Amino acid sequence: MGNGSKTGLFYSLIRDNSTDVAAACMLRLSKFSARWISNYGMSIGIGDVTPFDELVQSKRNLIETGYSRCEEMIEEYNRGEIALKAGCNAEQTLESCLNGELSMIREKAGELL
């Protein structure tokens, strides 16, 4: 429908008509979707969105190990023992390492979920 490709419905409406026509279509489609969902009893309960215990524990372990690695990097920086990256000073190296570690934590947490 509107995934950003040139074959999508909304792109075609904008290209062949105008942005007003595409916006009106989006509005009608959202109203139709809301009515359809309410007519067919689409619902979720708290049990549908509560994570499993092993998932919570896995996430906790991932965060704890990642944060401990970050704290080790900060300690290396404070002691002046951090291995500098090419073209970077100590602060830039620390920032780069921490950003990399936190990005890895985010990616692994996304895979778990």
Foldseek 3Di string as FASTA:
>chain_A
DPPPDCVDPLNVCCVVPNNVRSVVVVVVVVVVVVVVCVVVVDDDDPVVVDDDPVLVVVLVVLVVVLVVVLVVLVVCLVVVNHDDDPPDDSVVRSVVVNVVSVVVSVVVNVVSD
